Amino acid sequence: MIHLENVIKDYRSVLPGLRGSSVRALDGVTAHVTPGTALGIIGLNGAGKSTLLNLLLGYLRATSGSAPIGGLEPRAYAQRHGVSYIPERVAIPPKRSVRGALEAYAMLGNAGLDAQDRVNSAINRLGLTEFERRRVGTLSKGNLQRLAVAQTLLADRKLMVLDEPTDGLDPVWVAELRKIIGDWRRGDPERVLIVASHNLPEVERLTDRVLVLHAGRVREEIDLRGAKPGSPKLEERFLELVSGWSEAA
C-alpha cells in the first residue's frame, strides 16, 4: 500500500546568514508497507519521525525519491480516500462543543447518511457522553485526546496515522485505545496502521513491524511478529541501538 523509495527531505533555512543552506531531515528512507500491516516508527528526538508522518499525510513533499500510497501521491491519496489521523498536538476549535466538533468532522469526512449514528457511536465508545455539550476548550488533556481518537472513527478509512496516541491518556484509556485499534484493524484486513511514539511498550503492543530512525535514516527494521520467546523487548533493543550510536560518535 505504501512504497517509500529513497525518500529525501531537505528543509531550506530562512535564518539570516544561513539562507541557501539546508538541513536534511530524511536521508534515503526506503520501506514498503503491505496492506494489513501495523507499522511503528521510533527514534530519538530529531530522528525524522514527524517529517516522515507529514510526508505520508501529504502535508510535505519529498525533495527527491517517491512515496506513493495506493498508487497515488500522498496528498492525492488523502484527498481521494481520506486518512484517519491523530496529531501529536491535538488542535480542535476550542469554542465548539464536543458533539459539534465531531459532527463537523463527520461532514468534512463524508461520513454519509449515517453520520449521526457514527457520531453517537464514537461519543459512546470514547466515554464522552457527559462532555458532549461542553466546549472543547474546557476539556482536560486526557479527554481532549479521547476526542481526537473519537474523530478517527467517523468514516471508513484504509489508513490510520497516530502520532503519540497515548499522550494524556490514563492506563484505563490506554488499554481501551488498544481495543479500539484492534477492532478497527479487524474491520478490514487490508487496513494499514502507522504509529509514531516514544512509548515503546505501546508501540510493541500495537504494531507488527518497527522502523528505527536515526539522523533521517532507517537504521533498523524489526519484525515483532517473528520475535522468539525470550527475545529482548523493543525498548531494550532500542536502547542497545542508541548505545551503539553513542559509542560510534
Protein backbone atom coordinates (compact mmCIF):
# COMPACT_ATOMS: atom_id res chain seq x y z
CA MET A 1 0.00 0.00 0.00
CA ILE A 2 2.83 2.41 0.91
CA HIS A 3 6.09 2.34 -1.02
CA LEU A 4 8.86 4.63 0.17
CA GLU A 5 11.78 4.64 -2.23
CA ASN A 6 14.97 6.54 -1.35
CA VAL A 7 12.98 9.43 0.15
CA ILE A 8 14.99 12.56 0.89
CA LYS A 9 13.59 15.67 2.53
CA ASP A 10 15.63 18.85 2.91
CA TYR A 11 14.48 21.97 4.73
CA ARG A 12 15.82 25.28 3.48
CA SER A 13 16.99 27.66 6.19
CA VAL A 14 15.31 31.08 6.42
CA LEU A 15 17.58 32.36 9.20
CA PRO A 16 19.72 35.43 8.47
CA GLY A 17 23.20 34.37 7.48
CA LEU A 18 22.08 30.81 6.72
CA ARG A 19 19.82 31.45 3.73
CA GLY A 20 20.51 28.99 0.97
CA SER A 21 21.73 26.29 3.35
CA SER A 22 19.61 23.28 4.15
CA VAL A 23 19.01 20.63 6.79
CA ARG A 24 18.39 17.03 5.75
CA ALA A 25 15.51 15.56 7.78
CA LEU A 26 15.12 12.34 5.77
CA ASP A 27 18.12 10.77 4.10
CA GLY A 28 17.23 7.98 1.69
CA VAL A 29 14.34 6.30 3.52
CA THR A 30 13.10 3.12 1.85
CA ALA A 31 10.28 1.00 3.26
CA HIS A 32 7.38 -1.00 1.84
CA VAL A 33 4.18 -1.35 3.87
CA THR A 34 1.82 -4.02 2.62
CA PRO A 35 -1.96 -4.00 3.23
CA GLY A 36 -2.87 -5.21 6.70
CA THR A 37 0.37 -4.03 8.32
CA ALA A 38 0.70 -2.10 11.58
CA LEU A 39 3.99 -0.21 11.37
CA GLY A 40 5.72 1.52 14.28
CA ILE A 41 8.12 4.42 13.73
CA ILE A 42 10.52 5.16 16.59
CA GLY A 43 13.66 7.18 17.15
CA LEU A 44 15.26 9.87 19.25
CA ASN A 45 14.08 13.47 19.04
CA GLY A 46 15.06 14.88 15.66
CA ALA A 47 15.31 11.46 14.02
CA GLY A 48 12.85 12.39 11.26
CA LYS A 49 9.65 10.79 12.58
CA SER A 50 7.45 13.89 12.28
CA THR A 51 8.80 14.71 8.83
CA LEU A 52 8.03 11.19 7.64
CA LEU A 53 4.48 11.34 9.00
CA ASN A 54 3.86 14.75 7.45
CA LEU A 55 5.10 13.44 4.14
CA LEU A 56 2.74 10.43 4.32
CA LEU A 57 -0.16 12.73 5.17
CA GLY A 58 0.57 14.92 2.16
CA TYR A 59 1.50 17.99 4.21
CA LEU A 60 5.05 17.90 2.82
CA ARG A 61 6.58 16.82 -0.45
CA ALA A 62 9.81 14.88 -0.71
CA THR A 63 12.84 16.70 -2.08
CA SER A 64 13.58 13.54 -4.05
CA GLY A 65 12.51 9.92 -4.10
CA SER A 66 8.93 8.68 -4.14
CA ALA A 67 6.29 7.80 -1.54
CA PRO A 68 3.12 6.60 -3.27
CA ILE A 69 0.20 5.36 -1.21
CA GLY A 70 -2.17 3.08 -3.10
CA GLY A 71 -0.50 4.19 -6.31
CA LEU A 72 -1.13 7.89 -5.63
CA GLU A 73 1.00 10.71 -4.29
CA PRO A 74 0.23 11.13 -0.56
CA ARG A 75 -1.71 14.39 -0.96
CA ALA A 76 -3.80 12.95 -3.79
CA TYR A 77 -4.45 9.80 -1.75
CA ALA A 78 -5.60 11.82 1.28
CA GLN A 79 -7.88 13.96 -0.87
CA ARG A 80 -9.44 10.98 -2.61
CA HIS A 81 -9.64 8.42 0.19
CA GLY A 82 -9.07 10.31 3.44
CA VAL A 83 -6.77 9.34 6.32
CA SER A 84 -7.67 8.82 9.98
CA TYR A 85 -5.16 10.91 11.91
CA ILE A 86 -4.30 11.83 15.49
CA PRO A 87 -1.63 14.56 15.59
CA GLU A 88 0.89 14.91 18.37
CA ARG A 89 -0.69 18.26 19.29
CA VAL A 90 -4.45 18.00 19.07
CA ALA A 91 -5.91 21.19 17.61
CA ILE A 92 -9.70 21.17 17.62
CA PRO A 93 -11.56 24.53 17.59
CA PRO A 94 -11.90 25.29 21.33
CA LYS A 95 -15.26 27.06 21.10
CA ARG A 96 -17.07 24.14 19.50
CA SER A 97 -18.92 21.64 21.62
CA VAL A 98 -17.63 18.08 21.67
CA ARG A 99 -20.65 16.92 19.67
CA GLY A 100 -20.44 19.90 17.32
CA ALA A 101 -16.78 19.21 16.60
CA LEU A 102 -17.48 15.56 15.80
CA GLU A 103 -20.45 16.48 13.60
CA ALA A 104 -18.22 18.89 11.68
CA TYR A 105 -15.52 16.24 11.23
CA ALA A 106 -18.15 13.73 10.09
CA MET A 107 -19.39 16.17 7.46
CA LEU A 108 -15.86 17.03 6.28
CA GLY A 109 -15.00 13.33 6.16
CA ASN A 110 -18.05 12.47 4.04
CA ALA A 111 -19.35 10.06 6.66
CA GLY A 112 -22.58 9.68 4.67
CA LEU A 113 -26.20 9.30 5.65
CA ASP A 114 -25.31 7.50 8.89
CA ALA A 115 -23.14 10.40 10.10
CA GLN A 116 -25.21 10.98 13.24
CA ASP A 117 -25.06 7.30 14.10
CA ARG A 118 -21.30 7.37 13.71
CA VAL A 119 -21.03 10.46 15.91
CA ASN A 120 -23.20 8.84 18.58
CA SER A 121 -21.19 5.63 18.39
CA ALA A 122 -17.88 7.49 18.70
CA ILE A 123 -19.11 9.51 21.69
CA ASN A 124 -20.25 6.35 23.45
CA ARG A 125 -17.13 4.36 22.60
CA LEU A 126 -14.82 7.05 23.96
CA GLY A 127 -16.88 7.73 27.09
CA LEU A 128 -17.65 11.31 26.09
CA THR A 129 -21.40 11.33 26.71
CA GLU A 130 -21.19 13.55 29.80
CA PHE A 131 -18.98 16.01 27.91
CA GLU A 132 -20.78 16.19 24.55
CA ARG A 133 -22.26 19.66 25.24
CA ARG A 134 -19.07 21.01 26.76
CA ARG A 135 -16.77 23.29 24.79
CA VAL A 136 -13.63 21.62 23.53
CA GLY A 137 -11.50 24.31 25.19
CA THR A 138 -12.71 23.23 28.65
CA LEU A 139 -11.61 19.60 28.29
CA SER A 140 -8.73 18.10 30.22
CA LYS A 141 -5.75 16.82 28.22
CA GLY A 142 -6.92 13.23 28.56
CA ASN A 143 -10.49 14.00 27.46
CA LEU A 144 -9.18 16.04 24.53
CA GLN A 145 -7.10 13.05 23.48
CA ARG A 146 -10.19 10.83 23.69
CA LEU A 147 -12.00 13.30 21.44
CA ALA A 148 -9.12 13.07 18.97
CA VAL A 149 -9.47 9.28 18.98
CA ALA A 150 -13.25 9.59 18.51
CA GLN A 151 -12.87 11.64 15.33
CA THR A 152 -10.79 8.88 13.72
CA LEU A 153 -13.81 6.56 13.89
CA LEU A 154 -16.23 8.74 11.92
CA ALA A 155 -15.51 7.44 8.42
CA ASP A 156 -14.22 4.25 6.86
CA ARG A 157 -10.54 4.65 6.06
CA LYS A 158 -7.83 2.29 4.86
CA LEU A 159 -5.03 4.25 6.54
CA MET A 160 -4.71 5.45 10.13
CA VAL A 161 -1.75 7.56 11.28
CA LEU A 162 -1.21 8.05 15.01
CA ASP A 163 1.38 10.43 16.45
CA GLU A 164 1.87 9.87 20.22
CA PRO A 165 -1.69 8.47 20.53
CA THR A 166 -1.45 7.60 24.25
CA ASP A 167 -0.33 11.09 25.30
CA GLY A 168 -2.50 12.25 28.21
CA LEU A 169 -4.47 9.00 28.49
CA ASP A 170 -4.70 7.21 31.83
CA PRO A 171 -3.97 3.46 31.98
CA VAL A 172 -7.65 2.53 31.59
CA TRP A 173 -7.99 4.51 28.38
CA VAL A 174 -4.63 3.36 27.06
CA ALA A 175 -5.96 -0.19 27.34
CA GLU A 176 -9.24 0.86 25.71
CA LEU A 177 -7.34 2.50 22.86
CA ARG A 178 -5.66 -0.84 22.16
CA LYS A 179 -9.09 -2.46 21.88
CA ILE A 180 -10.37 0.30 19.59
CA ILE A 181 -7.38 -0.04 17.27
CA GLY A 182 -7.70 -3.82 17.31
CA ASP A 183 -11.38 -3.59 16.35
CA TRP A 184 -10.54 -1.09 13.61
CA ARG A 185 -7.94 -3.41 12.11
CA ARG A 186 -10.22 -6.43 12.28
CA GLY A 187 -12.95 -4.46 10.48
CA ASP A 188 -10.92 -4.62 7.26
CA PRO A 189 -7.87 -6.91 6.94
CA GLU A 190 -6.27 -4.54 4.40
CA ARG A 191 -6.19 -1.51 6.67
CA VAL A 192 -2.78 -0.03 7.45
CA LEU A 193 -1.83 1.48 10.80
CA ILE A 194 1.15 3.81 11.28
CA VAL A 195 2.16 4.64 14.88
CA ALA A 196 4.94 7.04 15.88
CA SER A 197 5.63 7.25 19.60
CA HIS A 198 8.23 7.41 22.35
CA ASN A 199 6.05 4.98 24.33
CA LEU A 200 7.91 1.88 23.15
CA PRO A 201 5.92 -0.72 25.15
CA GLU A 202 2.73 0.55 23.47
CA VAL A 203 4.36 0.56 20.05
CA GLU A 204 5.30 -3.06 20.70
CA ARG A 205 1.70 -3.93 21.62
CA LEU A 206 0.11 -2.12 18.69
CA THR A 207 2.36 -2.92 15.74
CA ASP A 208 3.77 -5.80 13.69
CA ARG A 209 6.92 -4.12 12.38
CA VAL A 210 9.02 -1.20 13.55
CA LEU A 211 11.27 1.20 11.67
CA VAL A 212 14.02 2.68 13.83
CA LEU A 213 15.03 6.10 12.51
CA HIS A 214 18.25 7.90 13.35
CA ALA A 215 19.51 11.08 11.67
CA GLY A 216 16.88 10.69 8.96
CA ARG A 217 17.82 7.14 8.03
CA VAL A 218 16.28 3.74 8.70
CA ARG A 219 18.91 2.15 10.94
CA GLU A 220 16.96 -0.98 11.82
CA GLU A 221 13.74 -2.72 10.78
CA ILE A 222 12.34 -5.01 13.45
CA ASP A 223 9.77 -7.73 12.76
CA LEU A 224 7.87 -8.10 16.03
CA ARG A 225 5.79 -10.99 14.73
CA GLY A 226 8.92 -13.10 14.25
CA ALA A 227 10.26 -12.47 17.76
CA LYS A 228 11.17 -15.68 19.57
CA PRO A 229 10.16 -16.35 23.19
CA GLY A 230 12.66 -14.68 25.49
CA SER A 231 13.77 -12.16 22.86
CA PRO A 232 14.63 -8.68 24.18
CA LYS A 233 11.73 -6.26 24.42
CA LEU A 234 11.54 -3.45 21.87
CA GLU A 235 12.65 -0.91 24.48
CA GLU A 236 15.74 -2.99 25.31
CA ARG A 237 16.64 -3.41 21.65
CA PHE A 238 16.21 0.30 21.01
CA LEU A 239 18.40 1.29 23.97
CA GLU A 240 21.10 -1.09 22.73
CA LEU A 241 20.99 0.60 19.33
CA VAL A 242 21.17 4.06 20.89
CA SER A 243 24.16 2.98 22.94
CA GLY A 244 25.87 1.79 19.77
CA TRP A 245 25.29 5.11 18.03
CA SER A 246 26.74 6.97 21.00
CA GLU A 247 29.85 4.80 21.00
CA ALA A 248 30.27 5.24 17.25
CA ALA A 249 30.08 9.03 17.65
